[in-house]
N, C-alpha and C. Protein backbone atom coordinates (compact mmCIF):
# COMPACT_ATOMS: atom_id res chain seq x y z
N UNK A 1 -26.60 5.55 2.54
CA UNK A 1 -27.12 4.65 2.53
C UNK A 1 -26.32 3.57 1.44
N UNK A 2 -26.17 2.30 2.37
CA UNK A 2 -25.59 1.18 1.19
C UNK A 2 -25.96 0.84 0.51
N UNK A 3 -25.46 0.24 -0.52
CA UNK A 3 -25.45 0.11 -1.99
C UNK A 3 -24.39 -1.68 -1.61
N UNK A 4 -25.39 -2.81 -2.53
CA UNK A 4 -25.70 -4.07 -2.30
C UNK A 4 -25.31 -4.71 -4.08
N UNK A 5 -24.94 -5.31 -4.15
CA UNK A 5 -25.13 -6.55 -5.58
C UNK A 5 -25.75 -8.02 -5.19
N UNK A 6 -26.49 -8.12 -6.05
CA UNK A 6 -27.66 -9.21 -5.46
C UNK A 6 -25.91 -10.99 -5.91
N UNK A 7 -26.31 -11.33 -4.62
CA UNK A 7 -25.33 -12.26 -4.59
C UNK A 7 -25.03 -13.80 -5.05
N UNK A 8 -26.57 -13.74 -5.63
CA UNK A 8 -27.17 -15.05 -6.52
C UNK A 8 -25.75 -14.94 -7.54
N UNK A 9 -25.54 -13.91 -8.20
CA UNK A 9 -24.53 -14.26 -9.74
C UNK A 9 -23.18 -15.10 -9.15
N UNK A 10 -22.64 -14.06 -7.86
CA UNK A 10 -21.58 -14.49 -7.63
C UNK A 10 -21.75 -16.34 -6.90
N UNK A 11 -22.51 -16.75 -6.45
CA UNK A 11 -22.66 -18.00 -6.41
C UNK A 11 -22.67 -18.52 -7.66
N UNK A 12 -23.56 -18.42 -8.51
CA UNK A 12 -23.65 -19.17 -9.77
C UNK A 12 -21.87 -19.22 -10.44
N UNK A 13 -21.39 -18.28 -10.34
CA UNK A 13 -19.77 -18.49 -11.12
C UNK A 13 -19.01 -19.27 -10.11
N UNK A 14 -19.14 -19.10 -8.61
CA UNK A 14 -18.63 -20.12 -7.45
C UNK A 14 -19.15 -21.03 -7.83
N UNK A 15 -19.91 -21.98 -7.97
CA UNK A 15 -20.56 -22.68 -7.65
C UNK A 15 -19.73 -23.59 -9.21
N UNK A 16 -20.02 -23.21 -10.68
CA UNK A 16 -19.14 -23.09 -11.56
C UNK A 16 -17.77 -23.80 -11.37
N UNK A 17 -16.68 -23.08 -10.56
CA UNK A 17 -15.78 -23.38 -10.14
C UNK A 17 -16.00 -24.72 -9.50
N UNK A 18 -16.18 -24.80 -8.08
CA UNK A 18 -16.33 -25.62 -7.56
C UNK A 18 -16.81 -27.15 -8.31
N UNK A 19 -18.12 -26.91 -8.57
CA UNK A 19 -18.43 -27.95 -10.09
C UNK A 19 -17.44 -28.90 -10.63
N UNK A 20 -15.94 -27.88 -11.08
CA UNK A 20 -14.79 -28.63 -11.89
C UNK A 20 -14.14 -29.48 -10.89
N UNK A 21 -14.34 -29.52 -9.47
CA UNK A 21 -13.65 -30.75 -8.48
C UNK A 21 -12.26 -30.79 -8.62
N UNK A 22 -11.73 -29.07 -8.57
CA UNK A 22 -10.01 -29.07 -8.71
C UNK A 22 -9.61 -28.30 -7.69
N UNK A 23 -11.06 -27.77 -6.39
CA UNK A 23 -10.86 -27.38 -5.35
C UNK A 23 -12.08 -27.14 -3.84
N UNK A 24 -11.85 -27.41 -3.33
CA UNK A 24 -12.95 -27.78 -2.53
C UNK A 24 -13.80 -26.57 -1.52
N UNK A 25 -14.78 -26.73 -0.73
CA UNK A 25 -15.33 -25.42 -0.32
C UNK A 25 -14.56 -24.23 -0.16
N UNK A 26 -14.08 -25.13 1.39
CA UNK A 26 -12.96 -24.71 2.48
C UNK A 26 -12.09 -24.09 1.76
N UNK A 27 -10.82 -24.59 0.54
CA UNK A 27 -10.16 -24.33 0.28
C UNK A 27 -10.57 -22.76 -0.66
N UNK A 28 -11.51 -22.58 -1.35
CA UNK A 28 -12.49 -21.61 -1.85
C UNK A 28 -12.23 -20.49 -0.84
N UNK A 29 -12.85 -20.64 0.17
CA UNK A 29 -13.25 -19.69 0.97
C UNK A 29 -12.50 -19.28 1.22
N UNK A 30 -10.62 -20.03 1.72
CA UNK A 30 -9.89 -19.75 2.18
C UNK A 30 -8.76 -18.64 1.27
N UNK A 31 -9.14 -19.09 -0.35
CA UNK A 31 -8.63 -17.98 -1.51
C UNK A 31 -9.19 -16.82 -1.54
N UNK A 32 -10.28 -16.84 -1.20
CA UNK A 32 -11.34 -15.29 -1.25
C UNK A 32 -11.43 -14.56 0.21
N UNK A 33 -11.19 -15.32 1.13
CA UNK A 33 -10.23 -14.15 2.59
C UNK A 33 -11.42 -14.86 3.22
N UNK A 34 -12.54 -15.45 3.37
CA UNK A 34 -14.41 -15.53 4.03
C UNK A 34 -14.09 -16.81 4.78
N UNK A 35 -14.80 -16.48 5.79
CA UNK A 35 -15.36 -17.86 6.41
C UNK A 35 -15.62 -19.32 5.62
N UNK A 36 -15.49 -20.10 5.46
CA UNK A 36 -16.14 -21.44 4.99
C UNK A 36 -17.66 -21.17 4.83
N UNK A 37 -18.16 -20.82 6.17
CA UNK A 37 -19.55 -20.75 6.50
C UNK A 37 -20.47 -19.85 6.22
N UNK A 38 -19.61 -18.58 5.92
CA UNK A 38 -20.12 -17.47 5.42
C UNK A 38 -20.63 -18.27 3.37
N UNK A 39 -19.73 -19.02 3.24
CA UNK A 39 -19.12 -18.71 2.01
C UNK A 39 -20.91 -20.14 1.09
N UNK A 40 -20.77 -21.13 2.28
CA UNK A 40 -22.11 -21.85 1.99
C UNK A 40 -23.18 -20.88 2.22
N UNK A 41 -23.96 -20.36 2.84
CA UNK A 41 -24.61 -19.33 3.15
C UNK A 41 -24.88 -18.41 1.49
N UNK A 42 -23.69 -17.96 1.36
CA UNK A 42 -24.09 -17.50 0.00
C UNK A 42 -24.34 -18.08 -1.20
N UNK A 43 -24.01 -19.56 -1.42
CA UNK A 43 -23.89 -20.41 -2.33
C UNK A 43 -25.64 -20.78 -2.03
N UNK A 44 -26.01 -21.38 -1.25
CA UNK A 44 -27.23 -21.73 -0.77
C UNK A 44 -28.34 -20.70 -0.75
N UNK A 45 -27.99 -19.51 -1.20
CA UNK A 45 -28.95 -18.02 -1.13
C UNK A 45 -29.78 -17.64 0.44
N UNK A 46 -29.02 -17.73 1.76
CA UNK A 46 -29.52 -17.58 3.00
C UNK A 46 -28.59 -16.30 3.18
N UNK A 47 -27.59 -15.64 2.27
CA UNK A 47 -27.33 -14.11 2.14
C UNK A 47 -27.71 -13.94 0.46
N UNK A 48 -28.36 -13.44 0.44
CA UNK A 48 -28.68 -12.53 -1.24
C UNK A 48 -28.12 -11.25 -2.23
N UNK A 49 -27.82 -10.86 -0.52
CA UNK A 49 -26.98 -9.44 -1.40
C UNK A 49 -25.42 -9.20 -0.53
N UNK A 50 -24.37 -9.11 -1.24
CA UNK A 50 -23.05 -8.16 -1.12
C UNK A 50 -23.10 -6.67 -0.90
N UNK A 51 -22.43 -6.58 0.12
CA UNK A 51 -22.15 -4.97 0.32
C UNK A 51 -20.75 -4.56 -0.72
N UNK A 52 -21.07 -3.89 -1.08
CA UNK A 52 -19.55 -3.11 -2.35
C UNK A 52 -18.12 -3.74 -2.16
N UNK A 53 -18.06 -3.27 -0.84
CA UNK A 53 -17.02 -3.30 -0.11
C UNK A 53 -16.55 -5.29 -0.02
N UNK A 54 -17.60 -5.98 -0.13
CA UNK A 54 -17.52 -7.69 -0.43
C UNK A 54 -17.02 -8.09 -1.32
N UNK A 55 -17.50 -7.03 -2.94
CA UNK A 55 -17.74 -7.47 -3.84
C UNK A 55 -16.26 -6.62 -4.18
N UNK A 56 -15.77 -6.15 -3.86
CA UNK A 56 -14.21 -5.29 -4.20
C UNK A 56 -13.67 -6.36 -3.81
N UNK A 57 -13.72 -6.71 -2.21
CA UNK A 57 -12.20 -8.34 -1.34
C UNK A 57 -12.72 -8.89 -2.58
N UNK A 58 -13.54 -9.49 -3.18
CA UNK A 58 -14.17 -11.01 -3.64
C UNK A 58 -13.13 -11.06 -5.12
N UNK A 59 -13.48 -10.26 -5.54
CA UNK A 59 -13.13 -9.91 -6.91
C UNK A 59 -11.37 -9.28 -7.21
N UNK A 60 -11.15 -8.70 -5.68
CA UNK A 60 -10.03 -8.34 -6.31
C UNK A 60 -8.59 -10.16 -5.59
N UNK A 61 -9.64 -10.67 -5.10
CA UNK A 61 -8.59 -12.35 -5.41
C UNK A 61 -9.04 -12.54 -6.63
N UNK A 62 -9.79 -12.81 -6.88
CA UNK A 62 -10.00 -13.63 -7.77
C UNK A 62 -9.23 -13.08 -9.33
N UNK A 63 -9.30 -11.82 -9.24
CA UNK A 63 -8.53 -11.02 -10.41
C UNK A 63 -9.50 -10.92 -10.86
N UNK A 64 -10.62 -10.31 -11.11
CA UNK A 64 -11.49 -10.12 -11.85
C UNK A 64 -12.42 -9.13 -11.68
N UNK A 65 -13.23 -8.15 -12.38
CA UNK A 65 -13.83 -7.06 -12.59
C UNK A 65 -15.46 -7.58 -11.66
N UNK A 66 -15.90 -6.35 -11.47
CA UNK A 66 -17.56 -6.86 -11.49
C UNK A 66 -18.09 -7.13 -12.47
N UNK A 67 -17.76 -6.53 -13.75
CA UNK A 67 -18.38 -6.54 -14.64
C UNK A 67 -18.24 -7.83 -15.04
N UNK A 68 -17.46 -8.63 -14.43
CA UNK A 68 -16.93 -10.35 -15.80
C UNK A 68 -18.50 -10.99 -14.72
N UNK A 69 -18.66 -10.05 -13.36
CA UNK A 69 -19.82 -11.51 -12.99
C UNK A 69 -21.58 -10.87 -12.89
N UNK A 70 -21.77 -9.41 -12.59
CA UNK A 70 -22.94 -8.87 -12.57
C UNK A 70 -22.87 -7.94 -14.72
N UNK A 71 -24.57 -7.70 -15.04
CA UNK A 71 -24.92 -6.64 -15.47
C UNK A 71 -23.71 -5.87 -15.71
N UNK A 72 -23.37 -4.92 -16.50
CA UNK A 72 -22.28 -4.12 -16.29
C UNK A 72 -22.60 -3.00 -15.89
N UNK A 73 -23.99 -1.95 -16.41
CA UNK A 73 -25.03 -1.03 -16.29
C UNK A 73 -25.54 -0.67 -14.24
N UNK A 74 -25.76 -2.59 -13.96
CA UNK A 74 -25.99 -1.88 -12.68
C UNK A 74 -24.38 -1.92 -11.78
N UNK A 75 -23.48 -2.69 -12.50
CA UNK A 75 -22.62 -2.29 -11.26
C UNK A 75 -21.88 -0.86 -11.60
N UNK A 76 -22.34 -0.14 -12.68
CA UNK A 76 -21.77 1.18 -12.95
C UNK A 76 -23.24 1.73 -11.55
N UNK A 77 -24.51 1.25 -11.67
CA UNK A 77 -25.21 1.59 -10.58
C UNK A 77 -24.75 2.17 -9.11
N UNK A 78 -24.45 0.87 -8.82
CA UNK A 78 -23.94 0.18 -7.86
C UNK A 78 -22.93 1.17 -7.26
N UNK A 79 -21.62 1.30 -7.74
CA UNK A 79 -20.06 2.14 -8.09
C UNK A 79 -20.32 3.58 -8.36
N UNK A 80 -21.55 3.84 -8.10
CA UNK A 80 -21.98 5.28 -8.61
C UNK A 80 -21.32 5.89 -7.17
N UNK A 81 -19.86 6.81 -7.80
CA UNK A 81 -19.48 7.83 -5.95
C UNK A 81 -18.64 7.26 -5.70
N UNK A 82 -18.36 5.64 -6.11
CA UNK A 82 -16.66 5.12 -5.78
C UNK A 82 -15.20 5.69 -5.63
N UNK A 83 -14.23 5.52 -4.85
CA UNK A 83 -13.27 6.40 -5.74
C UNK A 83 -12.92 5.16 -6.79
N UNK A 84 -12.29 6.09 -7.89
CA UNK A 84 -12.08 5.53 -9.21
C UNK A 84 -11.27 4.28 -8.94
N UNK A 85 -10.44 4.53 -8.31
CA UNK A 85 -9.25 3.67 -8.56
C UNK A 85 -8.95 2.40 -7.28
N UNK A 86 -10.72 2.41 -6.96
CA UNK A 86 -11.01 1.24 -6.45
C UNK A 86 -10.34 -0.65 -6.88
N UNK A 87 -10.62 -0.18 -8.38
CA UNK A 87 -9.87 -1.84 -9.19
C UNK A 87 -8.51 -1.98 -9.17
N UNK A 88 -7.58 -0.89 -8.97
CA UNK A 88 -6.50 -0.43 -9.90
C UNK A 88 -5.55 -1.59 -9.79
N UNK A 89 -5.54 -1.91 -10.93
CA UNK A 89 -4.60 -3.39 -11.22
C UNK A 89 -3.54 -3.40 -10.72
N UNK A 90 -3.03 -2.16 -10.39
CA UNK A 90 -1.25 -1.79 -10.31
C UNK A 90 -1.39 -2.14 -8.79
N UNK A 91 -2.06 -2.26 -7.60
CA UNK A 91 -2.55 -2.11 -6.30
C UNK A 91 -2.41 -3.71 -5.95
N UNK A 92 -0.88 -3.93 -5.31
CA UNK A 92 -0.68 -5.17 -4.85
C UNK A 92 -1.98 -5.42 -4.09
N UNK A 93 -2.17 -6.92 -3.98
CA UNK A 93 -3.24 -7.62 -3.18
C UNK A 93 -2.94 -8.03 -1.56
């Protein structure tokens, strides 16, 4: 069974970044290694859930931990069974 986290929390964080006016949606998508159309769908709520692999990739690009965006208990439950070194800070991106 695939585990997911709600996209709404990430969308809120990314909208905050975009509202500062220092980066465009296209540039933000590029920095996250995602397609701008996909990012737009996340931001407007058309994509409601993110797979854990997507969460890992985006968090690595933002250099944050999932707990920085989602509730730590929710993250712990979602990532139960994932390899311990999923977020190895010494691993090059």
